[in-house]
Structure formats: structure tokens, C-alpha cells
PDB file of all heavy atoms in Angstrom:
ATOM      1  N   PHE A   1      50.339  89.722  33.561  1.00  0.00           N
ATOM      2  CA  PHE A   1      50.521  91.104  33.940  1.00  0.00           C
ATOM      3  C   PHE A   1      50.716  91.930  32.683  1.00  0.00           C
ATOM      4  O   PHE A   1      50.997  91.402  31.620  1.00  0.00           O
ATOM      5  CB  PHE A   1      51.738  91.264  34.862  1.00  0.00           C
ATOM      6  CG  PHE A   1      51.531  90.736  36.251  1.00  0.00           C
ATOM      7  CD1 PHE A   1      51.452  89.370  36.498  1.00  0.00           C
ATOM      8  CD2 PHE A   1      51.435  91.597  37.329  1.00  0.00           C
ATOM      9  CE1 PHE A   1      51.282  88.877  37.767  1.00  0.00           C
ATOM     10  CE2 PHE A   1      51.266  91.123  38.620  1.00  0.00           C
ATOM     11  CZ  PHE A   1      51.181  89.763  38.835  1.00  0.00           C
ATOM     12  N   ARG A   2      50.575  93.228  32.829  1.00  0.00           N
ATOM     13  CA  ARG A   2      50.810  94.106  31.690  1.00  0.00           C
ATOM     14  C   ARG A   2      51.461  95.402  32.157  1.00  0.00           C
ATOM     15  O   ARG A   2      51.294  95.819  33.288  1.00  0.00           O
ATOM     16  CB  ARG A   2      49.522  94.403  30.928  1.00  0.00           C
ATOM     17  CG  ARG A   2      48.492  95.200  31.715  1.00  0.00           C
ATOM     18  CD  ARG A   2      47.189  95.283  30.944  1.00  0.00           C
ATOM     19  NE  ARG A   2      46.198  96.095  31.623  1.00  0.00           N
ATOM     20  CZ  ARG A   2      44.935  96.227  31.225  1.00  0.00           C
ATOM     21  NH1 ARG A   2      44.506  95.590  30.141  1.00  0.00           N
ATOM     22  NH2 ARG A   2      44.104  96.999  31.907  1.00  0.00           N
ATOM     23  N   GLN A   3      52.175  96.006  31.248  1.00  0.00           N
ATOM     24  CA  GLN A   3      52.842  97.265  31.542  1.00  0.00           C
ATOM     25  C   GLN A   3      52.722  98.185  30.345  1.00  0.00           C
ATOM     26  O   GLN A   3      53.220  97.887  29.266  1.00  0.00           O
ATOM     27  CB  GLN A   3      54.315  97.038  31.905  1.00  0.00           C
ATOM     28  CG  GLN A   3      55.016  98.296  32.399  1.00  0.00           C
ATOM     29  CD  GLN A   3      56.350  97.991  33.035  1.00  0.00           C
ATOM     30  OE1 GLN A   3      56.957  96.961  32.756  1.00  0.00           O
ATOM     31  NE2 GLN A   3      56.800  98.879  33.902  1.00  0.00           N
ATOM     32  N   ALA A   4      52.052  99.292  30.559  1.00  0.00           N
ATOM     33  CA  ALA A   4      51.899 100.307  29.539  1.00  0.00           C
ATOM     34  C   ALA A   4      53.035 101.322  29.654  1.00  0.00           C
ATOM     35  O   ALA A   4      53.656 101.445  30.702  1.00  0.00           O
ATOM     36  CB  ALA A   4      50.542 101.010  29.687  1.00  0.00           C
ATOM     37  N   PRO A   5      53.313 102.052  28.573  1.00  0.00           N
ATOM     38  CA  PRO A   5      54.388 103.047  28.623  1.00  0.00           C
ATOM     39  C   PRO A   5      54.176 104.056  29.734  1.00  0.00           C
ATOM     40  O   PRO A   5      53.089 104.614  29.888  1.00  0.00           O
ATOM     41  CB  PRO A   5      54.301 103.712  27.252  1.00  0.00           C
ATOM     42  CG  PRO A   5      53.702 102.690  26.356  1.00  0.00           C
ATOM     43  CD  PRO A   5      52.713 101.959  27.227  1.00  0.00           C
ATOM     44  N   GLY A   6      55.203 104.263  30.534  1.00  0.00           N
ATOM     45  CA  GLY A   6      55.144 105.236  31.596  1.00  0.00           C
ATOM     46  C   GLY A   6      54.378 104.790  32.834  1.00  0.00           C
ATOM     47  O   GLY A   6      54.188 105.587  33.751  1.00  0.00           O
ATOM     48  N   LYS A   7      53.939 103.543  32.858  1.00  0.00           N
ATOM     49  CA  LYS A   7      53.187 103.037  33.995  1.00  0.00           C
ATOM     50  C   LYS A   7      53.860 101.788  34.566  1.00  0.00           C
ATOM     51  O   LYS A   7      54.650 101.127  33.888  1.00  0.00           O
ATOM     52  CB  LYS A   7      51.750 102.702  33.585  1.00  0.00           C
ATOM     53  CG  LYS A   7      50.990 103.878  33.002  1.00  0.00           C
ATOM     54  CD  LYS A   7      49.563 103.513  32.667  1.00  0.00           C
ATOM     55  CE  LYS A   7      48.728 103.300  33.906  1.00  0.00           C
ATOM     56  NZ  LYS A   7      47.289 103.046  33.571  1.00  0.00           N
ATOM     57  N   GLU A   8      53.531 101.490  35.798  1.00  0.00           N
ATOM     58  CA  GLU A   8      54.081 100.315  36.428  1.00  0.00           C
ATOM     59  C   GLU A   8      53.343  99.067  35.983  1.00  0.00           C
ATOM     60  O   GLU A   8      52.214  99.128  35.485  1.00  0.00           O
ATOM     61  CB  GLU A   8      54.045 100.441  37.950  1.00  0.00           C
ATOM     62  CG  GLU A   8      52.649 100.449  38.541  1.00  0.00           C
ATOM     63  CD  GLU A   8      52.673 100.614  40.046  1.00  0.00           C
ATOM     64  OE1 GLU A   8      53.368 101.509  40.525  1.00  0.00           O
ATOM     65  OE2 GLU A   8      51.988  99.824  40.742  1.00  0.00           O
ATOM     66  N   ARG A   9      53.984  97.938  36.147  1.00  0.00           N
ATOM     67  CA  ARG A   9      53.372  96.682  35.784  1.00  0.00           C
ATOM     68  C   ARG A   9      52.169  96.412  36.685  1.00  0.00           C
ATOM     69  O   ARG A   9      52.237  96.586  37.899  1.00  0.00           O
ATOM     70  CB  ARG A   9      54.379  95.545  35.897  1.00  0.00           C
ATOM     71  CG  ARG A   9      53.867  94.215  35.413  1.00  0.00           C
ATOM     72  CD  ARG A   9      54.956  93.149  35.452  1.00  0.00           C
ATOM     73  NE  ARG A   9      56.072  93.458  34.574  1.00  0.00           N
ATOM     74  CZ  ARG A   9      57.051  92.630  34.272  1.00  0.00           C
ATOM     75  NH1 ARG A   9      57.046  91.404  34.786  1.00  0.00           N
ATOM     76  NH2 ARG A   9      58.032  93.013  33.479  1.00  0.00           N
ATOM     77  N   GLU A  10      51.064  95.979  36.079  1.00  0.00           N
ATOM     78  CA  GLU A  10      49.857  95.720  36.832  1.00  0.00           C
ATOM     79  C   GLU A  10      49.344  94.306  36.596  1.00  0.00           C
ATOM     80  O   GLU A  10      49.516  93.726  35.533  1.00  0.00           O
ATOM     81  CB  GLU A  10      48.759  96.742  36.496  1.00  0.00           C
ATOM     82  CG  GLU A  10      48.260  96.660  35.063  1.00  0.00           C
ATOM     83  CD  GLU A  10      47.099  97.608  34.794  1.00  0.00           C
ATOM     84  OE1 GLU A  10      46.535  98.162  35.768  1.00  0.00           O
ATOM     85  OE2 GLU A  10      46.762  97.812  33.613  1.00  0.00           O
ATOM     86  N   PHE A  11      48.688  93.793  37.606  1.00  0.00           N
ATOM     87  CA  PHE A  11      48.106  92.469  37.541  1.00  0.00           C
ATOM     88  C   PHE A  11      46.898  92.457  36.623  1.00  0.00           C
ATOM     89  O   PHE A  11      46.091  93.383  36.628  1.00  0.00           O
ATOM     90  CB  PHE A  11      47.706  92.016  38.948  1.00  0.00           C
ATOM     91  CG  PHE A  11      46.874  90.783  38.984  1.00  0.00           C
ATOM     92  CD1 PHE A  11      47.435  89.534  38.809  1.00  0.00           C
ATOM     93  CD2 PHE A  11      45.508  90.869  39.192  1.00  0.00           C
ATOM     94  CE1 PHE A  11      46.667  88.392  38.842  1.00  0.00           C
ATOM     95  CE2 PHE A  11      44.721  89.742  39.229  1.00  0.00           C
ATOM     96  CZ  PHE A  11      45.303  88.499  39.052  1.00  0.00           C
ATOM     97  N   VAL A  12      46.765  91.368  35.843  1.00  0.00           N
ATOM     98  CA  VAL A  12      45.632  91.210  34.947  1.00  0.00           C
ATOM     99  C   VAL A  12      44.765  90.026  35.363  1.00  0.00           C
ATOM    100  O   VAL A  12      43.567  90.161  35.588  1.00  0.00           O
ATOM    101  CB  VAL A  12      46.090  91.030  33.496  1.00  0.00           C
ATOM    102  CG1 VAL A  12      44.894  90.754  32.583  1.00  0.00           C
ATOM    103  CG2 VAL A  12      46.846  92.267  33.020  1.00  0.00           C
ATOM    104  N   ALA A  13      45.359  88.852  35.443  1.00  0.00           N
ATOM    105  CA  ALA A  13      44.600  87.647  35.769  1.00  0.00           C
ATOM    106  C   ALA A  13      45.554  86.539  36.189  1.00  0.00           C
ATOM    107  O   ALA A  13      46.731  86.555  35.839  1.00  0.00           O
ATOM    108  CB  ALA A  13      43.763  87.188  34.572  1.00  0.00           C
ATOM    109  N   GLN A  14      45.033  85.556  36.921  1.00  0.00           N
ATOM    110  CA  GLN A  14      45.831  84.419  37.307  1.00  0.00           C
ATOM    111  C   GLN A  14      44.974  83.177  37.361  1.00  0.00           C
ATOM    112  O   GLN A  14      43.749  83.258  37.482  1.00  0.00           O
ATOM    113  CB  GLN A  14      46.519  84.641  38.668  1.00  0.00           C
ATOM    114  CG  GLN A  14      45.551  84.721  39.840  1.00  0.00           C
ATOM    115  CD  GLN A  14      46.257  84.994  41.162  1.00  0.00           C
ATOM    116  OE1 GLN A  14      47.212  85.769  41.210  1.00  0.00           O
ATOM    117  NE2 GLN A  14      45.772  84.367  42.224  1.00  0.00           N
ATOM    118  N   ILE A  15      45.626  82.024  37.314  1.00  0.00           N
ATOM    119  CA  ILE A  15      44.921  80.754  37.373  1.00  0.00           C
ATOM    120  C   ILE A  15      45.794  79.731  38.066  1.00  0.00           C
ATOM    121  O   ILE A  15      47.013  79.697  37.890  1.00  0.00           O
ATOM    122  CB  ILE A  15      44.510  80.285  35.961  1.00  0.00           C
ATOM    123  CG1 ILE A  15      43.573  79.075  36.044  1.00  0.00           C
ATOM    124  CG2 ILE A  15      45.729  79.984  35.095  1.00  0.00           C
ATOM    125  CD1 ILE A  15      42.880  78.765  34.715  1.00  0.00           C
ATOM    126  N   SER A  16      45.173  78.882  38.846  1.00  0.00           N
ATOM    127  CA  SER A  16      45.856  77.790  39.523  1.00  0.00           C
ATOM    128  C   SER A  16      45.907  76.570  38.613  1.00  0.00           C
ATOM    129  O   SER A  16      44.913  76.219  37.979  1.00  0.00           O
ATOM    130  CB  SER A  16      45.135  77.441  40.827  1.00  0.00           C
ATOM    131  OG  SER A  16      45.599  76.218  41.361  1.00  0.00           O
ATOM    132  N   TRP A  17      47.052  75.915  38.564  1.00  0.00           N
ATOM    133  CA  TRP A  17      47.169  74.716  37.755  1.00  0.00           C
ATOM    134  C   TRP A  17      46.257  73.603  38.237  1.00  0.00           C
ATOM    135  O   TRP A  17      45.624  72.914  37.450  1.00  0.00           O
ATOM    136  CB  TRP A  17      48.615  74.200  37.761  1.00  0.00           C
ATOM    137  CG  TRP A  17      49.579  74.955  36.914  1.00  0.00           C
ATOM    138  CD1 TRP A  17      50.649  75.669  37.348  1.00  0.00           C
ATOM    139  CD2 TRP A  17      49.564  75.066  35.487  1.00  0.00           C
ATOM    140  NE1 TRP A  17      51.324  76.217  36.266  1.00  0.00           N
ATOM    141  CE2 TRP A  17      50.674  75.869  35.128  1.00  0.00           C
ATOM    142  CE3 TRP A  17      48.734  74.568  34.481  1.00  0.00           C
ATOM    143  CZ2 TRP A  17      50.960  76.178  33.793  1.00  0.00           C
ATOM    144  CZ3 TRP A  17      49.020  74.886  33.162  1.00  0.00           C
ATOM    145  CH2 TRP A  17      50.128  75.679  32.832  1.00  0.00           C
ATOM    146  N   SER A  18      46.188  73.428  39.548  1.00  0.00           N
ATOM    147  CA  SER A  18      45.463  72.285  40.101  1.00  0.00           C
ATOM    148  C   SER A  18      43.954  72.466  40.109  1.00  0.00           C
ATOM    149  O   SER A  18      43.207  71.606  39.625  1.00  0.00           O
ATOM    150  CB  SER A  18      45.949  72.002  41.521  1.00  0.00           C
ATOM    151  OG  SER A  18      45.754  73.122  42.373  1.00  0.00           O
ATOM    152  N   SER A  19      43.476  73.571  40.634  1.00  0.00           N
ATOM    153  CA  SER A  19      42.042  73.782  40.793  1.00  0.00           C
ATOM    154  C   SER A  19      41.405  74.528  39.640  1.00  0.00           C
ATOM    155  O   SER A  19      40.193  74.441  39.431  1.00  0.00           O
ATOM    156  CB  SER A  19      41.765  74.530  42.091  1.00  0.00           C
ATOM    157  OG  SER A  19      42.245  75.859  42.029  1.00  0.00           O
ATOM    158  N   GLY A  20      42.190  75.299  38.915  1.00  0.00           N
ATOM    159  CA  GLY A  20      41.637  76.145  37.881  1.00  0.00           C
ATOM    160  C   GLY A  20      40.999  77.420  38.405  1.00  0.00           C
ATOM    161  O   GLY A  20      40.357  78.147  37.636  1.00  0.00           O
ATOM    162  N   ASN A  21      41.137  77.673  39.693  1.00  0.00           N
ATOM    163  CA  ASN A  21      40.597  78.905  40.260  1.00  0.00           C
ATOM    164  C   ASN A  21      41.245  80.118  39.629  1.00  0.00           C
ATOM    165  O   ASN A  21      42.459  80.138  39.415  1.00  0.00           O
ATOM    166  CB  ASN A  21      40.810  78.942  41.772  1.00  0.00           C
ATOM    167  CG  ASN A  21      39.920  77.978  42.514  1.00  0.00           C
ATOM    168  OD1 ASN A  21      38.917  77.501  41.973  1.00  0.00           O
ATOM    169  ND2 ASN A  21      40.267  77.677  43.755  1.00  0.00           N
ATOM    170  N   THR A  22      40.437  81.104  39.351  1.00  0.00           N
ATOM    171  CA  THR A  22      40.901  82.296  38.650  1.00  0.00           C
ATOM    172  C   THR A  22      40.683  83.549  39.472  1.00  0.00           C
ATOM    173  O   THR A  22      39.843  83.598  40.364  1.00  0.00           O
ATOM    174  CB  THR A  22      40.202  82.454  37.298  1.00  0.00           C
ATOM    175  OG1 THR A  22      38.777  82.575  37.519  1.00  0.00           O
ATOM    176  CG2 THR A  22      40.472  81.262  36.400  1.00  0.00           C
ATOM    177  N   LEU A  23      41.440  84.563  39.133  1.00  0.00           N
ATOM    178  CA  LEU A  23      41.310  85.872  39.734  1.00  0.00           C
ATOM    179  C   LEU A  23      41.592  86.902  38.664  1.00  0.00           C
ATOM    180  O   LEU A  23      42.537  86.757  37.882  1.00  0.00           O
ATOM    181  CB  LEU A  23      42.303  86.024  40.891  1.00  0.00           C
ATOM    182  CG  LEU A  23      42.265  87.349  41.664  1.00  0.00           C
ATOM    183  CD1 LEU A  23      40.970  87.465  42.457  1.00  0.00           C
ATOM    184  CD2 LEU A  23      43.470  87.446  42.604  1.00  0.00           C
ATOM    185  N   TYR A  24      40.776  87.961  38.618  1.00  0.00           N
ATOM    186  CA  TYR A  24      40.911  88.984  37.610  1.00  0.00           C
ATOM    187  C   TYR A  24      41.005  90.361  38.221  1.00  0.00           C
ATOM    188  O   TYR A  24      40.407  90.634  39.271  1.00  0.00           O
ATOM    189  CB  TYR A  24      39.706  88.986  36.657  1.00  0.00           C
ATOM    190  CG  TYR A  24      39.549  87.725  35.852  1.00  0.00           C
ATOM    191  CD1 TYR A  24      38.757  86.681  36.306  1.00  0.00           C
ATOM    192  CD2 TYR A  24      40.177  87.598  34.630  1.00  0.00           C
ATOM    193  CE1 TYR A  24      38.601  85.537  35.563  1.00  0.00           C
ATOM    194  CE2 TYR A  24      40.028  86.448  33.868  1.00  0.00           C
ATOM    195  CZ  TYR A  24      39.224  85.420  34.340  1.00  0.00           C
ATOM    196  OH  TYR A  24      39.074  84.279  33.592  1.00  0.00           O
ATOM    197  N   ALA A  25      41.735  91.216  37.549  1.00  0.00           N
ATOM    198  CA  ALA A  25      41.705  92.616  37.905  1.00  0.00           C
ATOM    199  C   ALA A  25      40.341  93.194  37.533  1.00  0.00           C
ATOM    200  O   ALA A  25      39.713  92.771  36.564  1.00  0.00           O
ATOM    201  CB  ALA A  25      42.802  93.380  37.177  1.00  0.00           C
ATOM    202  N   ASP A  26      39.881  94.153  38.311  1.00  0.00           N
ATOM    203  CA  ASP A  26      38.576  94.752  38.045  1.00  0.00           C
ATOM    204  C   ASP A  26      38.491  95.348  36.636  1.00  0.00           C
ATOM    205  O   ASP A  26      37.433  95.328  36.005  1.00  0.00           O
ATOM    206  CB  ASP A  26      38.271  95.835  39.075  1.00  0.00           C
ATOM    207  CG  ASP A  26      37.958  95.272  40.444  1.00  0.00           C
ATOM    208  OD1 ASP A  26      37.630  94.073  40.542  1.00  0.00           O
ATOM    209  OD2 ASP A  26      38.030  96.039  41.419  1.00  0.00           O
ATOM    210  N   SER A  27      39.593  95.846  36.137  1.00  0.00           N
ATOM    211  CA  SER A  27      39.597  96.514  34.857  1.00  0.00           C
ATOM    212  C   SER A  27      39.336  95.581  33.672  1.00  0.00           C
ATOM    213  O   SER A  27      38.987  96.046  32.589  1.00  0.00           O
ATOM    214  CB  SER A  27      40.938  97.239  34.636  1.00  0.00           C
ATOM    215  OG  SER A  27      42.016  96.324  34.675  1.00  0.00           O
ATOM    216  N   VAL A  28      39.499  94.274  33.881  1.00  0.00           N
ATOM    217  CA  VAL A  28      39.321  93.338  32.776  1.00  0.00           C
ATOM    218  C   VAL A  28      38.196  92.338  33.023  1.00  0.00           C
ATOM    219  O   VAL A  28      37.910  91.517  32.129  1.00  0.00           O
ATOM    220  CB  VAL A  28      40.631  92.579  32.470  1.00  0.00           C
ATOM    221  CG1 VAL A  28      41.766  93.562  32.208  1.00  0.00           C
ATOM    222  CG2 VAL A  28      40.987  91.624  33.601  1.00  0.00           C
TER     223      VAL A  28
END
């Protein structure tokens, strides 16, 4: 996740330990 000054924390990317499946925010 990331948080810029004056903004709320936003999701960036995630990964599962077992499967390696990933998910990304559209912005990245």
C-alpha cells in the first residue's frame, strides 16, 4: 500500500504465498 501526503492509504499490489496469484491497482 502507499500513502501520499494529504491522501488516504491506497492499495498497490498483493500476492498470495501459496499460489503466487497477484492483483494490482489500475494505476500501477
